[in-house]
């Protein structure tokens, strides 16, 4: 149960990084 809760706590951090990754995609297309 603890590991599941720990994983859920990390999920928002992963979602926060997703927009950053998507923001970098157009930059890659410019090169």
Protein backbone atom coordinates (compact mmCIF):
# COMPACT_ATOMS: atom_id res chain seq x y z
CA UNK A 1 0.00 0.00 0.00
CA UNK A 2 2.82 2.40 0.82
CA UNK A 3 4.49 1.87 -2.55
CA UNK A 4 1.23 2.59 -4.33
CA UNK A 5 0.83 5.85 -2.43
CA UNK A 6 4.43 6.78 -3.20
CA UNK A 7 3.81 6.14 -6.90
CA UNK A 8 0.71 8.34 -6.87
CA UNK A 9 2.70 11.11 -5.21
CA UNK A 10 5.19 11.02 -8.07
CA UNK A 11 2.50 11.04 -10.74
CA UNK A 12 1.77 14.81 -10.56
CA UNK A 13 5.51 15.47 -10.93
CA UNK A 14 5.52 13.41 -14.11
CA UNK A 15 2.49 15.28 -15.44
CA UNK A 16 4.17 18.60 -14.65
CA UNK A 17 7.14 17.59 -16.80
CA UNK A 18 4.95 16.50 -19.71
CA UNK A 19 4.08 20.06 -20.90
CA UNK A 20 7.79 20.92 -20.70
CA UNK A 21 8.56 18.01 -23.00
CA UNK A 22 5.81 19.05 -25.41
CA UNK A 23 7.11 22.62 -25.40
CA UNK A 24 10.50 21.35 -26.58
CA UNK A 25 9.02 19.45 -29.55
CA UNK A 26 8.54 22.52 -31.79
CA UNK A 27 12.14 23.56 -31.02
CA UNK A 28 13.34 20.22 -32.35
CA UNK A 29 11.43 20.77 -35.60
CA UNK A 30 13.15 24.13 -36.15
CA UNK A 31 16.62 22.57 -36.55
